[in-house]
Amino acid sequence: MKTIKSKVVTVFFISLILFGISPLYAQHGQMHDQKKGGGIQCNIPNLTEEQQKKMDDFRLVHQKNMLQFKNQMEVKEAQLNVLRSADKADMNAINKNIDEFGALKIQMMKEKESHHQQVRSILTDEQRVAFDMQKGDRNKGEFGKCGMGMEGCKGNANGPKEK
């Protein structure tokens, strides 16, 4: 009798654990479907292979540039923390560091816009309109981050592009 109870309890806990993690697998499956072909889906209609290749190339260069900016900003932030915590804070050095940090942010914004315009330059008028309409989605961190340093675009308005 005791072994039957222990088996029932064990099966119950295993079921509970499997039931608890099943949403995680479902979410992974959805993400995998959205990233079919290696990129996040977007709603740019009729992308050609050539356009996709150019977007992938643009994205790689953009990601490398943004990584450099991010690394430089992290260094500036660490330097600022050192300056802030000194026994006698040097306000001139702090302000200089803040100015340099701000200059990096400006450069990052310019790089992002340059990349955005570079992507737009290879699109047709119809594609450009679809791309521009996704701006709100990009700012919200949702899907549709076409060419904006994310995984790229592997789709069209009607769903994933099959290879």
N, C-alpha and C. Protein backbone atom coordinates (compact mmCIF):
# COMPACT_ATOMS: atom_id res chain seq x y z
N MET A 1 0.82 -1.19 0.00
CA MET A 1 0.00 0.00 0.00
C MET A 1 0.87 1.25 0.00
N LYS A 2 1.95 1.20 0.78
CA LYS A 2 2.83 2.36 0.88
C LYS A 2 3.54 2.62 -0.44
N THR A 3 3.95 1.58 -1.15
CA THR A 3 4.63 1.76 -2.43
C THR A 3 3.68 2.31 -3.49
N ILE A 4 2.40 1.92 -3.44
CA ILE A 4 1.43 2.46 -4.40
C ILE A 4 1.26 3.95 -4.17
N LYS A 5 1.15 4.35 -2.91
CA LYS A 5 1.01 5.77 -2.59
C LYS A 5 2.25 6.54 -3.05
N SER A 6 3.41 5.99 -2.80
CA SER A 6 4.64 6.70 -3.20
C SER A 6 4.73 6.80 -4.72
N LYS A 7 4.28 5.76 -5.44
CA LYS A 7 4.28 5.82 -6.90
C LYS A 7 3.29 6.87 -7.40
N VAL A 8 2.13 6.93 -6.79
CA VAL A 8 1.11 7.91 -7.19
C VAL A 8 1.64 9.33 -6.93
N VAL A 9 2.25 9.53 -5.78
CA VAL A 9 2.81 10.84 -5.45
C VAL A 9 3.93 11.19 -6.42
N THR A 10 4.78 10.25 -6.75
CA THR A 10 5.87 10.49 -7.70
C THR A 10 5.32 10.85 -9.07
N VAL A 11 4.35 10.10 -9.55
CA VAL A 11 3.74 10.37 -10.86
C VAL A 11 3.08 11.76 -10.83
N PHE A 12 2.41 12.08 -9.71
CA PHE A 12 1.76 13.38 -9.59
C PHE A 12 2.79 14.51 -9.70
N PHE A 13 3.90 14.40 -8.98
CA PHE A 13 4.92 15.45 -9.02
C PHE A 13 5.59 15.54 -10.39
N ILE A 14 5.84 14.42 -11.00
CA ILE A 14 6.43 14.44 -12.35
C ILE A 14 5.47 15.12 -13.32
N SER A 15 4.18 14.79 -13.23
CA SER A 15 3.17 15.43 -14.08
C SER A 15 3.11 16.92 -13.83
N LEU A 16 3.16 17.29 -12.56
CA LEU A 16 3.13 18.71 -12.20
C LEU A 16 4.33 19.45 -12.78
N ILE A 17 5.49 18.85 -12.70
CA ILE A 17 6.70 19.48 -13.24
C ILE A 17 6.59 19.60 -14.76
N LEU A 18 6.18 18.52 -15.42
CA LEU A 18 6.04 18.57 -16.87
C LEU A 18 4.98 19.58 -17.30
N PHE A 19 3.89 19.63 -16.56
CA PHE A 19 2.84 20.61 -16.87
C PHE A 19 3.37 22.03 -16.68
N GLY A 20 4.19 22.22 -15.68
CA GLY A 20 4.74 23.55 -15.39
C GLY A 20 5.72 24.04 -16.43
N ILE A 21 6.50 23.13 -17.02
CA ILE A 21 7.50 23.58 -17.98
C ILE A 21 7.00 23.54 -19.42
N SER A 22 5.83 22.95 -19.66
CA SER A 22 5.34 22.85 -21.03
C SER A 22 5.13 24.23 -21.69
N PRO A 23 4.67 25.27 -20.97
CA PRO A 23 4.56 26.59 -21.61
C PRO A 23 5.91 27.11 -22.09
N LEU A 24 6.97 26.75 -21.41
CA LEU A 24 8.30 27.18 -21.83
C LEU A 24 8.66 26.58 -23.18
N TYR A 25 8.34 25.31 -23.37
CA TYR A 25 8.61 24.68 -24.65
C TYR A 25 7.73 25.26 -25.74
N ALA A 26 6.49 25.58 -25.41
CA ALA A 26 5.59 26.18 -26.39
C ALA A 26 6.12 27.54 -26.84
N GLN A 27 6.61 28.33 -25.89
CA GLN A 27 7.16 29.64 -26.25
C GLN A 27 8.40 29.47 -27.11
N HIS A 28 9.24 28.51 -26.78
CA HIS A 28 10.44 28.26 -27.59
C HIS A 28 10.04 27.89 -29.00
N GLY A 29 9.00 27.06 -29.13
CA GLY A 29 8.55 26.66 -30.45
C GLY A 29 8.05 27.84 -31.26
N GLN A 30 7.33 28.76 -30.60
CA GLN A 30 6.86 29.95 -31.30
C GLN A 30 8.03 30.80 -31.76
N MET A 31 9.00 30.99 -30.89
CA MET A 31 10.17 31.78 -31.25
C MET A 31 10.91 31.13 -32.40
N HIS A 32 11.02 29.80 -32.34
CA HIS A 32 11.73 29.09 -33.41
C HIS A 32 11.02 29.28 -34.74
N ASP A 33 9.69 29.21 -34.72
CA ASP A 33 8.93 29.43 -35.95
C ASP A 33 9.15 30.86 -36.47
N GLN A 34 9.20 31.83 -35.58
CA GLN A 34 9.36 33.21 -35.99
C GLN A 34 10.77 33.47 -36.49
N LYS A 35 11.71 32.66 -36.06
CA LYS A 35 13.09 32.87 -36.46
C LYS A 35 13.51 31.89 -37.56
N LYS A 36 12.53 31.30 -38.21
CA LYS A 36 12.83 30.34 -39.28
C LYS A 36 13.77 30.98 -40.29
N GLY A 37 14.80 30.30 -40.65
CA GLY A 37 15.75 30.85 -41.60
C GLY A 37 16.79 31.72 -40.92
N GLY A 38 16.81 31.78 -39.59
CA GLY A 38 17.86 32.51 -38.89
C GLY A 38 17.54 33.95 -38.57
N GLY A 39 16.34 34.42 -38.90
CA GLY A 39 16.06 35.82 -38.64
C GLY A 39 14.66 36.03 -38.11
N ILE A 40 14.46 37.14 -37.47
CA ILE A 40 13.15 37.50 -36.97
C ILE A 40 12.28 37.89 -38.17
N GLN A 41 11.04 37.47 -38.12
CA GLN A 41 10.14 37.76 -39.23
C GLN A 41 9.80 39.24 -39.26
N CYS A 42 9.59 39.74 -40.43
CA CYS A 42 9.13 41.10 -40.60
C CYS A 42 8.15 41.13 -41.75
N ASN A 43 7.48 42.23 -41.90
CA ASN A 43 6.44 42.31 -42.91
C ASN A 43 6.84 43.17 -44.08
N ILE A 44 7.98 42.91 -44.64
CA ILE A 44 8.39 43.58 -45.87
C ILE A 44 8.03 42.63 -47.01
N PRO A 45 7.14 43.08 -47.88
CA PRO A 45 6.69 42.19 -48.94
C PRO A 45 7.75 41.97 -50.01
N ASN A 46 7.79 40.75 -50.50
CA ASN A 46 8.56 40.40 -51.70
C ASN A 46 10.05 40.73 -51.64
N LEU A 47 10.68 40.44 -50.52
CA LEU A 47 12.14 40.64 -50.45
C LEU A 47 12.82 39.64 -51.38
N THR A 48 13.76 40.11 -52.15
CA THR A 48 14.53 39.22 -53.01
C THR A 48 15.70 38.64 -52.22
N GLU A 49 16.29 37.60 -52.74
CA GLU A 49 17.47 37.01 -52.11
C GLU A 49 18.59 38.05 -52.03
N GLU A 50 18.74 38.84 -53.08
CA GLU A 50 19.78 39.87 -53.11
C GLU A 50 19.55 40.92 -52.02
N GLN A 51 18.30 41.36 -51.87
CA GLN A 51 17.98 42.32 -50.82
C GLN A 51 18.27 41.73 -49.44
N GLN A 52 17.88 40.47 -49.25
CA GLN A 52 18.11 39.83 -47.96
C GLN A 52 19.60 39.72 -47.67
N LYS A 53 20.38 39.37 -48.67
CA LYS A 53 21.84 39.25 -48.50
C LYS A 53 22.42 40.60 -48.11
N LYS A 54 22.01 41.66 -48.80
CA LYS A 54 22.51 42.99 -48.47
C LYS A 54 22.11 43.39 -47.05
N MET A 55 20.86 43.09 -46.68
CA MET A 55 20.41 43.43 -45.32
C MET A 55 21.24 42.68 -44.28
N ASP A 56 21.52 41.41 -44.56
CA ASP A 56 22.35 40.62 -43.64
C ASP A 56 23.75 41.22 -43.51
N ASP A 57 24.32 41.64 -44.65
CA ASP A 57 25.65 42.26 -44.63
C ASP A 57 25.63 43.58 -43.86
N PHE A 58 24.60 44.41 -44.12
CA PHE A 58 24.46 45.69 -43.41
C PHE A 58 24.35 45.44 -41.91
N ARG A 59 23.54 44.45 -41.55
CA ARG A 59 23.28 44.16 -40.14
C ARG A 59 24.56 43.75 -39.42
N LEU A 60 25.38 42.91 -40.07
CA LEU A 60 26.62 42.45 -39.44
C LEU A 60 27.56 43.62 -39.16
N VAL A 61 27.72 44.50 -40.13
CA VAL A 61 28.58 45.67 -39.94
C VAL A 61 28.01 46.55 -38.82
N HIS A 62 26.69 46.75 -38.86
CA HIS A 62 26.03 47.58 -37.85
C HIS A 62 26.21 46.99 -36.45
N GLN A 63 26.03 45.70 -36.32
CA GLN A 63 26.18 45.05 -35.01
C GLN A 63 27.61 45.19 -34.48
N LYS A 64 28.59 45.06 -35.36
CA LYS A 64 29.98 45.22 -34.94
C LYS A 64 30.23 46.65 -34.45
N ASN A 65 29.71 47.63 -35.20
CA ASN A 65 29.87 49.03 -34.80
C ASN A 65 29.19 49.30 -33.47
N MET A 66 27.97 48.80 -33.31
CA MET A 66 27.23 49.05 -32.08
C MET A 66 27.91 48.37 -30.89
N LEU A 67 28.50 47.23 -31.11
CA LEU A 67 29.21 46.55 -30.03
C LEU A 67 30.39 47.39 -29.54
N GLN A 68 31.09 47.99 -30.49
CA GLN A 68 32.21 48.86 -30.11
C GLN A 68 31.73 50.05 -29.28
N PHE A 69 30.64 50.66 -29.72
CA PHE A 69 30.08 51.79 -28.95
C PHE A 69 29.66 51.34 -27.56
N LYS A 70 29.00 50.20 -27.49
CA LYS A 70 28.53 49.69 -26.20
C LYS A 70 29.71 49.44 -25.26
N ASN A 71 30.76 48.83 -25.79
CA ASN A 71 31.94 48.56 -24.97
C ASN A 71 32.59 49.86 -24.49
N GLN A 72 32.69 50.85 -25.37
CA GLN A 72 33.27 52.14 -24.97
C GLN A 72 32.40 52.81 -23.91
N MET A 73 31.09 52.70 -24.04
CA MET A 73 30.20 53.31 -23.05
C MET A 73 30.33 52.62 -21.69
N GLU A 74 30.52 51.32 -21.70
CA GLU A 74 30.70 50.60 -20.44
C GLU A 74 32.00 51.03 -19.76
N VAL A 75 33.03 51.26 -20.55
CA VAL A 75 34.30 51.76 -19.99
C VAL A 75 34.09 53.13 -19.37
N LYS A 76 33.40 54.02 -20.10
CA LYS A 76 33.14 55.37 -19.59
C LYS A 76 32.32 55.32 -18.31
N GLU A 77 31.34 54.42 -18.27
CA GLU A 77 30.50 54.30 -17.08
C GLU A 77 31.33 53.81 -15.88
N ALA A 78 32.23 52.85 -16.12
CA ALA A 78 33.09 52.36 -15.05
C ALA A 78 34.03 53.46 -14.56
N GLN A 79 34.58 54.24 -15.51
CA GLN A 79 35.44 55.36 -15.13
C GLN A 79 34.66 56.39 -14.31
N LEU A 80 33.43 56.65 -14.71
CA LEU A 80 32.60 57.60 -13.97
C LEU A 80 32.35 57.12 -12.55
N ASN A 81 32.11 55.83 -12.39
CA ASN A 81 31.90 55.28 -11.05
C ASN A 81 33.14 55.45 -10.18
N VAL A 82 34.32 55.27 -10.78
CA VAL A 82 35.57 55.48 -10.04
C VAL A 82 35.70 56.94 -9.63
N LEU A 83 35.43 57.83 -10.57
CA LEU A 83 35.52 59.27 -10.28
C LEU A 83 34.52 59.69 -9.21
N ARG A 84 33.33 59.18 -9.27
CA ARG A 84 32.27 59.52 -8.31
C ARG A 84 32.62 59.09 -6.89
N SER A 85 33.26 57.94 -6.79
CA SER A 85 33.50 57.37 -5.47
C SER A 85 34.83 57.79 -4.85
N ALA A 86 35.55 58.67 -5.53
CA ALA A 86 36.83 59.15 -4.98
C ALA A 86 36.57 59.96 -3.70
N ASP A 87 37.55 59.95 -2.81
CA ASP A 87 37.41 60.72 -1.57
C ASP A 87 37.15 62.19 -1.87
N LYS A 88 37.84 62.71 -2.85
CA LYS A 88 37.64 64.10 -3.24
C LYS A 88 37.32 64.09 -4.73
N ALA A 89 36.03 64.18 -5.04
CA ALA A 89 35.59 64.07 -6.43
C ALA A 89 36.10 65.24 -7.26
N ASP A 90 36.64 64.91 -8.43
CA ASP A 90 37.13 65.91 -9.38
C ASP A 90 35.99 66.19 -10.37
N MET A 91 35.27 67.29 -10.14
CA MET A 91 34.11 67.62 -10.97
C MET A 91 34.49 67.87 -12.42
N ASN A 92 35.68 68.40 -12.66
CA ASN A 92 36.11 68.61 -14.05
C ASN A 92 36.24 67.27 -14.77
N ALA A 93 36.84 66.29 -14.11
CA ALA A 93 37.01 64.97 -14.70
C ALA A 93 35.64 64.28 -14.87
N ILE A 94 34.77 64.43 -13.89
CA ILE A 94 33.43 63.84 -13.97
C ILE A 94 32.67 64.43 -15.16
N ASN A 95 32.70 65.76 -15.28
CA ASN A 95 31.99 66.42 -16.38
C ASN A 95 32.57 66.03 -17.74
N LYS A 96 33.89 65.91 -17.81
CA LYS A 96 34.52 65.51 -19.06
C LYS A 96 34.07 64.10 -19.44
N ASN A 97 34.03 63.21 -18.45
CA ASN A 97 33.59 61.84 -18.70
C ASN A 97 32.14 61.82 -19.18
N ILE A 98 31.29 62.62 -18.55
CA ILE A 98 29.88 62.69 -18.95
C ILE A 98 29.77 63.21 -20.38
N ASP A 99 30.56 64.21 -20.73
CA ASP A 99 30.55 64.74 -22.10
C ASP A 99 30.97 63.66 -23.10
N GLU A 100 32.00 62.89 -22.76
CA GLU A 100 32.46 61.83 -23.64
C GLU A 100 31.41 60.73 -23.79
N PHE A 101 30.74 60.43 -22.69
CA PHE A 101 29.67 59.44 -22.70
C PHE A 101 28.54 59.92 -23.61
N GLY A 102 28.18 61.17 -23.47
CA GLY A 102 27.13 61.75 -24.32
C GLY A 102 27.52 61.75 -25.78
N ALA A 103 28.79 62.04 -26.07
CA ALA A 103 29.26 62.03 -27.47
C ALA A 103 29.15 60.62 -28.06
N LEU A 104 29.43 59.60 -27.25
CA LEU A 104 29.28 58.22 -27.72
C LEU A 104 27.81 57.91 -28.03
N LYS A 105 26.90 58.38 -27.19
CA LYS A 105 25.47 58.15 -27.44
C LYS A 105 25.05 58.81 -28.74
N ILE A 106 25.55 60.01 -28.99
CA ILE A 106 25.24 60.71 -30.24
C ILE A 106 25.77 59.92 -31.43
N GLN A 107 27.00 59.42 -31.33
CA GLN A 107 27.57 58.62 -32.42
C GLN A 107 26.74 57.35 -32.66
N MET A 108 26.28 56.74 -31.56
CA MET A 108 25.45 55.54 -31.69
C MET A 108 24.15 55.86 -32.43
N MET A 109 23.52 56.96 -32.07
CA MET A 109 22.28 57.35 -32.72
C MET A 109 22.50 57.61 -34.20
N LYS A 110 23.61 58.24 -34.52
CA LYS A 110 23.93 58.51 -35.93
C LYS A 110 24.18 57.21 -36.68
N GLU A 111 24.87 56.27 -36.06
CA GLU A 111 25.12 54.97 -36.67
C GLU A 111 23.80 54.23 -36.91
N LYS A 112 22.90 54.26 -35.93
CA LYS A 112 21.61 53.60 -36.09
C LYS A 112 20.82 54.19 -37.25
N GLU A 113 20.83 55.51 -37.34
CA GLU A 113 20.09 56.16 -38.43
C GLU A 113 20.75 55.88 -39.78
N SER A 114 22.05 55.87 -39.81
CA SER A 114 22.75 55.55 -41.05
C SER A 114 22.38 54.15 -41.52
N HIS A 115 22.37 53.21 -40.58
CA HIS A 115 22.01 51.83 -40.90
C HIS A 115 20.57 51.76 -41.40
N HIS A 116 19.68 52.46 -40.73
CA HIS A 116 18.27 52.48 -41.11
C HIS A 116 18.12 52.97 -42.55
N GLN A 117 18.79 54.06 -42.87
CA GLN A 117 18.70 54.62 -44.21
C GLN A 117 19.36 53.71 -45.25
N GLN A 118 20.41 53.02 -44.83
CA GLN A 118 21.08 52.07 -45.72
C GLN A 118 20.12 50.95 -46.11
N VAL A 119 19.38 50.43 -45.12
CA VAL A 119 18.40 49.38 -45.40
C VAL A 119 17.30 49.92 -46.31
N ARG A 120 16.79 51.10 -46.00
CA ARG A 120 15.73 51.70 -46.81
C ARG A 120 16.16 51.87 -48.27
N SER A 121 17.45 52.14 -48.48
CA SER A 121 17.94 52.43 -49.83
C SER A 121 17.85 51.24 -50.78
N ILE A 122 17.76 50.03 -50.25
CA ILE A 122 17.70 48.85 -51.13
C ILE A 122 16.28 48.35 -51.33
N LEU A 123 15.29 49.04 -50.76
CA LEU A 123 13.90 48.61 -50.84
C LEU A 123 13.15 49.34 -51.95
N THR A 124 12.14 48.67 -52.45
CA THR A 124 11.24 49.32 -53.40
C THR A 124 10.32 50.26 -52.61
N ASP A 125 9.55 51.08 -53.31
CA ASP A 125 8.63 52.00 -52.63
C ASP A 125 7.65 51.24 -51.74
N GLU A 126 7.09 50.16 -52.25
CA GLU A 126 6.13 49.36 -51.49
C GLU A 126 6.80 48.77 -50.23
N GLN A 127 8.00 48.25 -50.40
CA GLN A 127 8.73 47.67 -49.27
C GLN A 127 9.10 48.74 -48.25
N ARG A 128 9.48 49.90 -48.75
CA ARG A 128 9.88 51.00 -47.87
C ARG A 128 8.72 51.43 -46.97
N VAL A 129 7.53 51.50 -47.55
CA VAL A 129 6.35 51.87 -46.77
C VAL A 129 6.12 50.84 -45.66
N ALA A 130 6.19 49.56 -46.00
CA ALA A 130 6.01 48.50 -45.01
C ALA A 130 7.09 48.58 -43.93
N PHE A 131 8.31 48.83 -44.34
CA PHE A 131 9.44 48.95 -43.39
C PHE A 131 9.23 50.13 -42.46
N ASP A 132 8.85 51.28 -43.02
CA ASP A 132 8.66 52.49 -42.22
C ASP A 132 7.48 52.35 -41.25
N MET A 133 6.48 51.59 -41.65
CA MET A 133 5.31 51.41 -40.77
C MET A 133 5.64 50.56 -39.56
N GLN A 134 6.75 49.85 -39.57
CA GLN A 134 7.14 49.01 -38.45
C GLN A 134 7.90 49.76 -37.39
N LYS A 135 8.13 51.04 -37.57
CA LYS A 135 8.91 51.84 -36.63
C LYS A 135 8.40 51.70 -35.21
N GLY A 136 7.09 51.77 -35.03
CA GLY A 136 6.52 51.65 -33.69
C GLY A 136 6.82 50.31 -33.05
N ASP A 137 6.77 49.25 -33.86
CA ASP A 137 7.07 47.92 -33.34
C ASP A 137 8.52 47.81 -32.91
N ARG A 138 9.43 48.42 -33.68
CA ARG A 138 10.85 48.38 -33.31
C ARG A 138 11.08 49.07 -31.98
N ASN A 139 10.42 50.21 -31.79
CA ASN A 139 10.63 50.97 -30.56
C ASN A 139 10.05 50.27 -29.35
N LYS A 140 9.08 49.40 -29.55
CA LYS A 140 8.47 48.68 -28.45
C LYS A 140 9.19 47.38 -28.15
N GLY A 141 10.20 47.05 -28.95
CA GLY A 141 10.93 45.80 -28.73
C GLY A 141 10.18 44.59 -29.24
N GLU A 142 9.19 44.81 -30.10
CA GLU A 142 8.43 43.70 -30.64
C GLU A 142 9.06 43.23 -31.94
N PHE A 143 8.42 42.26 -32.57
CA PHE A 143 8.94 41.74 -33.83
C PHE A 143 8.83 42.80 -34.91
N GLY A 144 9.60 42.62 -35.95
CA GLY A 144 9.58 43.58 -37.05
C GLY A 144 10.83 44.43 -37.03
N LYS A 145 11.89 43.92 -36.43
CA LYS A 145 13.13 44.69 -36.32
C LYS A 145 13.98 44.50 -37.56
N CYS A 146 13.40 44.75 -38.66
CA CYS A 146 14.03 44.48 -39.94
C CYS A 146 15.27 45.32 -40.15
N GLY A 147 16.40 44.67 -40.24
CA GLY A 147 17.63 45.37 -40.57
C GLY A 147 18.15 46.28 -39.50
N MET A 148 17.55 46.26 -38.33
CA MET A 148 17.94 47.21 -37.29
C MET A 148 18.90 46.59 -36.28
N GLY A 149 19.83 45.83 -36.75
CA GLY A 149 20.81 45.24 -35.85
C GLY A 149 20.31 43.97 -35.21
N MET A 150 19.15 43.53 -35.59
CA MET A 150 18.63 42.29 -35.06
C MET A 150 19.01 41.17 -36.02
N GLU A 151 18.26 40.11 -35.99
CA GLU A 151 18.61 38.94 -36.78
C GLU A 151 18.29 39.09 -38.27
N GLY A 152 17.69 40.17 -38.65
CA GLY A 152 17.41 40.39 -40.07
C GLY A 152 15.97 40.07 -40.41
N CYS A 153 15.66 40.05 -41.67
CA CYS A 153 14.31 39.81 -42.17
C CYS A 153 14.30 38.55 -43.00
N LYS A 154 13.50 37.63 -42.63
CA LYS A 154 13.41 36.41 -43.42
C LYS A 154 11.98 36.16 -43.82
N GLY A 155 11.27 37.19 -44.20
CA GLY A 155 9.87 36.95 -44.53
C GLY A 155 9.29 38.03 -45.38
N ASN A 156 7.99 37.94 -45.53
CA ASN A 156 7.26 38.95 -46.26
C ASN A 156 5.92 39.16 -45.59
N ALA A 157 5.07 39.94 -46.17
CA ALA A 157 3.80 40.27 -45.57
C ALA A 157 2.89 39.05 -45.40
N ASN A 158 3.15 38.02 -46.14
CA ASN A 158 2.30 36.83 -46.09
C ASN A 158 2.89 35.71 -45.24
N GLY A 159 3.97 35.98 -44.53
CA GLY A 159 4.55 34.95 -43.67
C GLY A 159 5.98 34.68 -44.04
N PRO A 160 6.55 33.63 -43.44
CA PRO A 160 7.97 33.33 -43.65
C PRO A 160 8.28 33.01 -45.09
N LYS A 161 9.46 33.42 -45.47
CA LYS A 161 9.96 33.15 -46.82
C LYS A 161 10.60 31.77 -46.79
N GLU A 162 10.16 30.92 -47.65
CA GLU A 162 10.72 29.58 -47.72
C GLU A 162 11.92 29.58 -48.64
N LYS A 163 12.92 28.82 -48.29
CA LYS A 163 14.14 28.74 -49.11
C LYS A 163 14.07 27.61 -50.09
